[in-house]
Protein backbone atom coordinates (compact mmCIF):
# COMPACT_ATOMS: atom_id res chain seq x y z
CA MET A 1 0.00 0.00 0.00
CA ALA A 2 1.60 3.23 -1.21
CA ASP A 3 2.01 6.10 1.24
CA SER A 4 1.85 8.80 -1.45
CA LEU A 5 0.49 9.42 -4.92
CA THR A 6 1.92 12.02 -7.31
CA ILE A 7 -0.16 13.04 -10.31
CA THR A 8 -0.38 15.81 -12.87
CA ARG A 9 -1.92 18.89 -11.28
CA PRO A 10 -5.68 18.48 -11.81
CA ASP A 11 -8.37 20.80 -13.15
CA ASP A 12 -11.95 21.32 -12.01
CA TRP A 13 -14.31 21.32 -14.99
CA HIS A 14 -17.38 22.56 -13.06
CA LEU A 15 -17.06 25.08 -10.24
CA HIS A 16 -19.03 27.82 -8.46
CA LEU A 17 -17.00 30.65 -6.94
CA ARG A 18 -19.79 33.18 -6.25
CA ASP A 19 -18.73 36.84 -6.26
CA GLY A 20 -17.81 39.77 -4.04
CA ALA A 21 -16.43 38.98 -0.59
CA ALA A 22 -16.92 35.23 -1.13
CA LEU A 23 -14.08 35.18 -3.67
CA ALA A 24 -11.52 35.73 -0.89
CA VAL A 25 -12.61 32.33 0.48
CA THR A 26 -13.53 30.30 -2.58
CA VAL A 27 -10.74 31.24 -4.99
CA PRO A 28 -7.79 30.27 -2.73
CA ALA A 29 -9.53 27.00 -1.82
CA THR A 30 -9.60 25.96 -5.48
CA ALA A 31 -6.41 27.62 -6.69
CA GLY A 32 -4.42 25.78 -4.04
CA VAL A 33 -5.25 22.49 -5.75
CA PHE A 34 -6.47 23.00 -9.29
CA ALA A 35 -4.59 24.71 -12.10
CA ARG A 36 -7.75 25.64 -14.01
CA ALA A 37 -11.47 25.62 -13.38
CA VAL A 38 -14.54 26.10 -15.53
CA VAL A 39 -16.38 28.83 -13.61
CA MET A 40 -20.17 28.81 -13.60
CA PRO A 41 -21.97 32.02 -14.63
CA ASN A 42 -25.07 31.91 -12.39
CA LEU A 43 -24.42 35.13 -10.52
CA VAL A 44 -27.02 37.80 -9.80
CA PRO A 45 -27.23 39.27 -12.39
CA PRO A 46 -26.00 36.38 -14.55
CA VAL A 47 -22.88 36.47 -16.73
CA THR A 48 -24.54 36.71 -20.14
CA SER A 49 -21.95 38.53 -22.28
CA VAL A 50 -18.25 38.33 -23.03
CA ALA A 51 -17.79 41.70 -21.33
CA ASP A 52 -19.47 40.32 -18.19
CA ALA A 53 -17.26 37.25 -18.26
CA LEU A 54 -14.04 39.22 -18.62
CA ALA A 55 -15.00 41.53 -15.76
CA TYR A 56 -15.81 38.55 -13.56
CA ARG A 57 -12.53 36.89 -14.50
CA SER A 58 -10.64 40.00 -13.37
CA ARG A 59 -12.35 39.89 -9.98
CA ILE A 60 -11.44 36.22 -9.61
CA LEU A 61 -7.80 36.82 -10.49
CA GLU A 62 -7.57 39.55 -7.84
CA ALA A 63 -8.37 36.88 -5.23
CA VAL A 64 -5.71 34.37 -6.36
CA PRO A 65 -2.96 34.12 -3.71
CA SER A 66 0.42 35.54 -4.65
CA GLY A 67 2.70 33.05 -6.36
CA VAL A 68 -0.11 30.64 -7.28
CA ARG A 69 -0.89 29.87 -10.92
CA PHE A 70 -4.62 29.58 -11.55
CA ASP A 71 -6.56 30.12 -14.77
CA PRO A 72 -10.33 30.64 -14.49
CA LEU A 73 -12.04 29.36 -17.65
CA MET A 74 -15.11 31.52 -18.13
CA THR A 75 -18.59 30.62 -19.32
CA LEU A 76 -21.66 32.50 -20.52
CA TYR A 77 -25.15 32.02 -19.12
CA LEU A 78 -27.53 30.99 -21.90
CA THR A 79 -30.90 32.78 -21.88
CA ASP A 80 -33.87 32.96 -24.21
CA THR A 81 -32.40 36.17 -25.67
CA THR A 82 -28.77 35.08 -26.18
CA SER A 83 -27.77 35.93 -29.74
CA PRO A 84 -25.66 33.94 -32.20
CA ASP A 85 -23.40 36.99 -32.48
CA GLU A 86 -22.63 36.81 -28.74
CA ILE A 87 -21.78 33.13 -29.18
CA ARG A 88 -19.32 34.04 -31.92
CA ARG A 89 -17.77 36.76 -29.76
CA ALA A 90 -17.36 34.19 -27.00
CA ALA A 91 -15.72 31.74 -29.35
CA ASP A 92 -13.27 34.44 -30.43
CA SER A 93 -12.33 35.23 -26.82
CA GLU A 94 -9.32 33.44 -25.38
CA HIS A 95 -10.92 33.41 -21.94
CA VAL A 96 -14.48 32.18 -22.61
CA HIS A 97 -14.51 28.43 -23.01
CA ALA A 98 -18.16 27.37 -22.94
CA VAL A 99 -21.82 28.35 -22.66
CA LYS A 100 -24.00 27.06 -19.82
CA LEU A 101 -27.61 25.96 -20.25
CA TYR A 102 -29.79 26.10 -17.15
CA PRO A 103 -33.47 25.24 -17.56
CA SER A 104 -35.26 28.08 -15.82
CA GLY A 105 -35.86 27.25 -12.16
CA ALA A 106 -33.69 24.13 -12.13
CA THR A 107 -31.14 25.23 -9.51
CA THR A 108 -29.52 28.18 -7.71
CA ASN A 109 -29.89 31.48 -9.58
CA SER A 110 -31.42 29.82 -12.64
CA ASP A 111 -34.50 32.03 -12.97
CA ALA A 112 -32.97 33.69 -16.04
CA GLY A 113 -32.41 30.30 -17.66
CA VAL A 114 -33.96 28.85 -20.77
CA THR A 115 -37.74 28.52 -21.09
CA ASP A 116 -38.04 28.30 -24.89
CA PHE A 117 -35.99 25.30 -26.00
CA GLU A 118 -37.39 25.42 -29.52
CA GLY A 119 -36.12 28.98 -29.83
CA LEU A 120 -32.53 27.90 -29.19
CA THR A 121 -31.95 26.66 -32.73
CA PRO A 122 -29.96 29.72 -33.98
CA VAL A 123 -27.75 29.64 -30.88
CA LEU A 124 -27.17 25.89 -31.13
CA GLU A 125 -26.26 26.31 -34.78
CA ALA A 126 -23.72 28.99 -33.80
CA LEU A 127 -22.28 26.72 -31.09
CA GLN A 128 -21.99 23.90 -33.60
CA GLU A 129 -20.31 26.20 -36.10
CA THR A 130 -17.79 27.64 -33.63
CA ARG A 131 -17.24 24.36 -31.70
CA LEU A 132 -17.77 26.23 -28.42
CA PRO A 133 -18.99 23.64 -25.89
CA LEU A 134 -22.48 23.63 -24.44
CA LEU A 135 -22.55 22.71 -20.75
CA VAL A 136 -25.92 21.33 -19.70
CA HIS A 137 -27.69 21.23 -16.36
CA GLY A 138 -29.91 18.34 -17.38
CA GLU A 139 -33.22 18.51 -15.54
CA VAL A 140 -36.78 19.29 -16.50
CA THR A 141 -38.60 21.53 -14.05
CA ARG A 142 -42.25 20.61 -14.62
CA GLY A 143 -44.03 20.08 -11.32
CA GLU A 144 -45.62 16.80 -12.40
CA VAL A 145 -42.20 15.16 -12.88
CA ASP A 146 -40.82 13.58 -9.71
CA VAL A 147 -37.61 15.30 -8.57
CA PHE A 148 -35.75 11.97 -8.74
CA ASP A 149 -36.79 11.52 -12.41
CA ARG A 150 -36.00 15.00 -13.72
CA GLU A 151 -32.59 14.13 -15.16
CA ARG A 152 -33.84 11.01 -16.91
CA VAL A 153 -36.80 12.86 -18.44
CA PHE A 154 -34.57 15.73 -19.60
CA LEU A 155 -32.23 13.24 -21.23
CA GLU A 156 -35.09 11.57 -23.10
CA GLU A 157 -37.00 14.71 -24.07
CA ARG A 158 -34.27 17.30 -24.63
CA LEU A 159 -30.68 16.19 -24.59
CA ALA A 160 -30.72 13.01 -26.69
CA PRO A 161 -32.75 14.62 -29.53
CA THR A 162 -30.51 17.72 -29.47
CA VAL A 163 -27.31 15.66 -29.69
CA GLU A 164 -28.81 13.71 -32.59
CA ARG A 165 -30.05 16.78 -34.44
CA PHE A 166 -26.90 18.90 -34.05
CA GLU A 167 -24.25 16.39 -35.02
CA GLY A 168 -21.32 18.78 -34.53
CA LEU A 169 -22.46 20.22 -31.20
CA ARG A 170 -19.99 19.60 -28.38
CA VAL A 171 -21.80 18.86 -25.13
CA VAL A 172 -20.83 18.27 -21.50
CA PHE A 173 -23.64 16.68 -19.51
CA GLU A 174 -22.84 18.28 -16.16
CA HIS A 175 -22.87 16.54 -12.76
CA ILE A 176 -24.62 13.41 -14.01
CA THR A 177 -26.56 11.48 -11.37
CA THR A 178 -28.21 8.50 -13.05
CA ALA A 179 -27.30 5.19 -14.66
CA GLU A 180 -29.19 6.35 -17.76
CA ALA A 181 -27.00 9.44 -18.07
CA ALA A 182 -23.80 7.43 -17.68
CA GLN A 183 -24.91 4.96 -20.33
CA PHE A 184 -25.96 7.74 -22.70
CA VAL A 185 -22.58 9.47 -22.48
CA GLU A 186 -20.65 6.22 -22.85
CA GLU A 187 -22.58 5.28 -26.01
CA ALA A 188 -23.02 8.76 -27.53
CA ARG A 189 -21.33 10.08 -30.63
CA ASP A 190 -17.98 11.86 -30.45
CA GLY A 191 -18.13 15.25 -28.78
CA VAL A 192 -20.25 14.23 -25.79
CA ALA A 193 -18.76 14.04 -22.29
CA ALA A 194 -19.80 14.34 -18.64
CA THR A 195 -18.56 15.60 -15.31
CA ILE A 196 -19.10 13.72 -12.05
CA THR A 197 -19.07 15.24 -8.55
CA PRO A 198 -17.62 13.75 -5.34
CA GLN A 199 -21.00 13.77 -3.61
CA HIS A 200 -22.71 11.75 -6.32
CA LEU A 201 -19.87 9.21 -6.19
CA LEU A 202 -19.70 8.94 -2.42
CA MET A 203 -23.39 9.12 -1.49
CA HIS A 204 -26.87 8.01 -2.53
CA ARG A 205 -30.24 9.44 -1.63
CA GLY A 206 -30.41 7.60 1.69
CA ASP A 207 -27.61 9.88 2.90
CA LEU A 208 -30.01 12.82 2.71
CA PHE A 209 -32.02 11.33 5.58
CA ALA A 210 -29.53 9.31 7.65
CA GLY A 211 -30.12 10.20 11.28
CA GLY A 212 -32.44 13.04 10.27
CA LEU A 213 -32.59 15.48 7.38
CA GLN A 214 -29.03 16.35 6.25
CA PRO A 215 -29.15 19.77 4.53
CA HIS A 216 -25.42 19.82 3.77
CA ASN A 217 -25.81 16.71 1.59
CA TYR A 218 -28.56 18.39 -0.42
CA CYS A 219 -27.58 19.36 -3.95
CA LEU A 220 -29.19 19.60 -7.37
CA PRO A 221 -29.54 17.36 -9.22
CA VAL A 222 -30.50 15.53 -6.04
CA LEU A 223 -28.74 12.34 -4.93
CA LYS A 224 -30.27 9.20 -6.44
CA ARG A 225 -30.70 5.51 -5.52
CA ARG A 226 -27.70 3.34 -4.76
CA HIS A 227 -27.72 1.61 -8.17
CA HIS A 228 -27.31 5.00 -9.84
CA GLN A 229 -24.40 5.80 -7.51
CA GLU A 230 -22.76 2.50 -8.45
CA ALA A 231 -23.19 3.26 -12.17
CA LEU A 232 -21.45 6.61 -11.69
CA GLN A 233 -18.64 4.92 -9.79
CA ARG A 234 -18.09 2.52 -12.68
CA ALA A 235 -18.09 5.40 -15.16
CA ALA A 236 -15.62 7.52 -13.17
CA THR A 237 -13.17 4.72 -12.41
CA GLY A 238 -13.48 2.80 -15.66
CA GLY A 239 -10.87 4.78 -17.58
CA SER A 240 -13.20 6.25 -20.22
CA PRO A 241 -12.01 9.68 -21.38
CA ARG A 242 -15.64 10.81 -21.69
CA PHE A 243 -15.91 11.22 -17.90
CA PHE A 244 -13.86 13.72 -15.92
CA LEU A 245 -13.69 15.64 -12.67
CA GLY A 246 -16.17 18.42 -12.01
CA THR A 247 -16.80 19.13 -8.35
CA ASP A 248 -19.83 21.41 -8.73
CA SER A 249 -18.50 22.85 -5.48
CA ALA A 250 -21.20 25.32 -4.51
CA PRO A 251 -20.69 27.44 -1.39
CA HIS A 252 -23.64 28.56 0.70
CA ALA A 253 -23.47 30.08 4.17
CA ARG A 254 -24.57 27.75 6.96
CA SER A 255 -27.57 29.97 7.65
CA ALA A 256 -28.72 29.56 4.05
CA LYS A 257 -28.41 25.78 4.16
CA GLU A 258 -29.97 25.25 7.60
CA ALA A 259 -33.07 27.25 6.73
CA PRO A 260 -36.79 26.67 6.09
CA CYS A 261 -36.00 26.63 2.35
CA GLY A 262 -32.39 25.49 2.37
CA CYS A 263 -30.13 26.13 -0.61
CA ALA A 264 -28.88 23.31 -2.80
CA GLY A 265 -25.14 22.73 -3.11
CA CYS A 266 -22.16 20.99 -1.52
CA TYR A 267 -18.96 22.91 -0.82
CA SER A 268 -16.21 20.41 -1.58
CA ALA A 269 -13.42 22.54 -3.06
CA PRO A 270 -10.91 22.47 -0.16
CA TYR A 271 -11.02 18.65 0.11
CA ALA A 272 -12.04 17.63 -3.41
CA LEU A 273 -8.93 15.75 -4.46
CA PRO A 274 -8.70 13.65 -1.25
CA LEU A 275 -12.44 12.91 -1.60
CA TYR A 276 -11.99 11.55 -5.11
CA ALA A 277 -8.83 9.67 -4.05
CA GLN A 278 -10.73 8.00 -1.22
CA LEU A 279 -13.41 6.75 -3.60
CA PHE A 280 -10.95 5.58 -6.26
CA GLU A 281 -8.90 3.70 -3.67
CA GLU A 282 -11.98 2.06 -2.14
CA LEU A 283 -12.88 0.77 -5.60
CA GLY A 284 -9.35 -0.45 -6.34
CA ALA A 285 -8.81 2.11 -9.10
CA LEU A 286 -6.36 4.59 -7.60
CA GLU A 287 -4.10 4.27 -10.64
CA ARG A 288 -6.93 5.72 -12.77
CA LEU A 289 -7.41 8.87 -10.70
CA GLU A 290 -4.87 10.85 -12.73
CA GLY A 291 -6.71 10.32 -16.00
CA PHE A 292 -10.06 11.31 -14.52
CA ALA A 293 -8.71 14.29 -12.56
CA SER A 294 -5.87 15.60 -14.71
CA HIS A 295 -5.96 14.36 -18.30
CA PHE A 296 -9.39 13.65 -19.75
CA GLY A 297 -10.94 17.09 -19.24
CA ALA A 298 -7.98 18.95 -20.71
CA ASP A 299 -7.93 16.60 -23.69
CA TRP A 300 -11.67 17.03 -24.33
CA TYR A 301 -11.47 20.83 -24.16
CA GLY A 302 -8.41 20.83 -26.41
CA LEU A 303 -6.16 22.40 -23.78
CA PRO A 304 -2.63 21.30 -22.88
CA ARG A 305 -2.24 19.03 -19.90
CA ASN A 306 -0.70 20.78 -16.90
CA GLU A 307 3.03 20.34 -16.43
CA GLU A 308 3.02 20.77 -12.65
CA ARG A 309 2.61 17.83 -10.29
CA VAL A 310 0.82 17.47 -6.97
CA THR A 311 1.27 14.84 -4.29
CA LEU A 312 -1.33 13.22 -2.08
CA ALA A 313 0.01 11.73 1.14
CA ARG A 314 -1.62 8.96 3.12
CA SER A 315 -2.48 10.83 6.28
CA GLU A 316 -5.86 10.44 7.91
CA HIS A 317 -7.51 13.69 8.94
CA VAL A 318 -10.99 14.85 9.80
CA VAL A 319 -12.73 17.47 7.67
CA PRO A 320 -13.57 20.48 9.89
CA GLU A 321 -17.15 20.98 11.04
CA ARG A 322 -17.06 24.65 10.04
CA LEU A 323 -15.00 27.01 7.90
CA GLU A 324 -15.04 30.80 7.98
CA TYR A 325 -17.12 32.35 5.22
CA VAL A 326 -18.46 35.91 4.78
CA ASP A 327 -20.52 38.41 6.78
CA GLY A 328 -19.65 36.67 10.03
CA ASP A 329 -21.25 33.42 8.91
CA SER A 330 -19.60 30.04 8.47
CA ILE A 331 -19.79 27.35 5.84
CA VAL A 332 -20.13 23.62 6.45
CA PRO A 333 -17.88 21.77 3.99
CA TYR A 334 -18.92 18.55 2.34
CA TRP A 335 -17.85 15.53 4.45
CA ALA A 336 -17.68 17.70 7.60
CA GLY A 337 -16.70 15.78 10.71
CA ARG A 338 -15.71 12.67 8.75
CA ALA A 339 -12.29 11.21 8.13
CA LEU A 340 -10.34 11.23 4.89
CA ALA A 341 -7.43 8.90 4.27
CA TRP A 342 -5.52 11.27 1.99
CA THR A 343 -4.31 14.84 2.29
CA LEU A 344 -2.66 17.17 -0.19
CA ALA A 345 1.02 17.26 0.68
């Protein structure tokens, strides 16, 4: 049993940093581990233009600790009024790397998301033409669809037909949660990939209710049954380059999580790499962590692999119950109070 593991410095292909004072907390937590991160655009107001994205990127870079190399990869928030010309401007920008589709009302700050899917045709044609990736939060939001079925229904009704119709469209199915999603990505045409979070690999829906309601395990898409968790584990550890690391780390103050209408999201950034390492080791696939964390995402996005290396050391430690956040509040990190077998050396 090895006492350390050295791999290419990883990237996070799905990350929430928030804005304002929160950046002083969230940016160092990610930049201390990951060389690059695809930054989500669901701010208030949302990041809908290249100018918005570049301004947000500047604010992020101001929060990067001195001497640390970190490149935020920016995204645009797709709305019903996004124009093909804005897509082309994004494709021409060296700092905008994708466009994010949120169905309106699907998750945090998604009210400005897409309501008219049929009206997206000109934008999807522009994305196909420019090869700028479309990142998809894959859930329907109709009230009659059970929350545990929303990803599957979106896949059947929206995503699969779109991938078939737009044969050159490059798509990342974000934070997949179901066996159906994993199978779809594995069998899809070239240009389709997926990110997988630590919480969807390490937990199933029973963990939402173990010992009482657990608000800090609540995320969207919501955790699913154990057989879905096992399908995601096989996808992540199986060595397929279609699946890569995306934490979906989503900070919320403790008061916003432990509330009558608690926010969805797990804050995993400070402990993400040890979390993934723990899962890969438990499944006897530690040698495949580097591909999933450090190689496959860069290859899919057409970016060079990082040259730096990071080392994980076998050293058991307990994730803190609380971390300082903003406005005098704290944040409860994912896996709080539980042990991890690995730490970043």
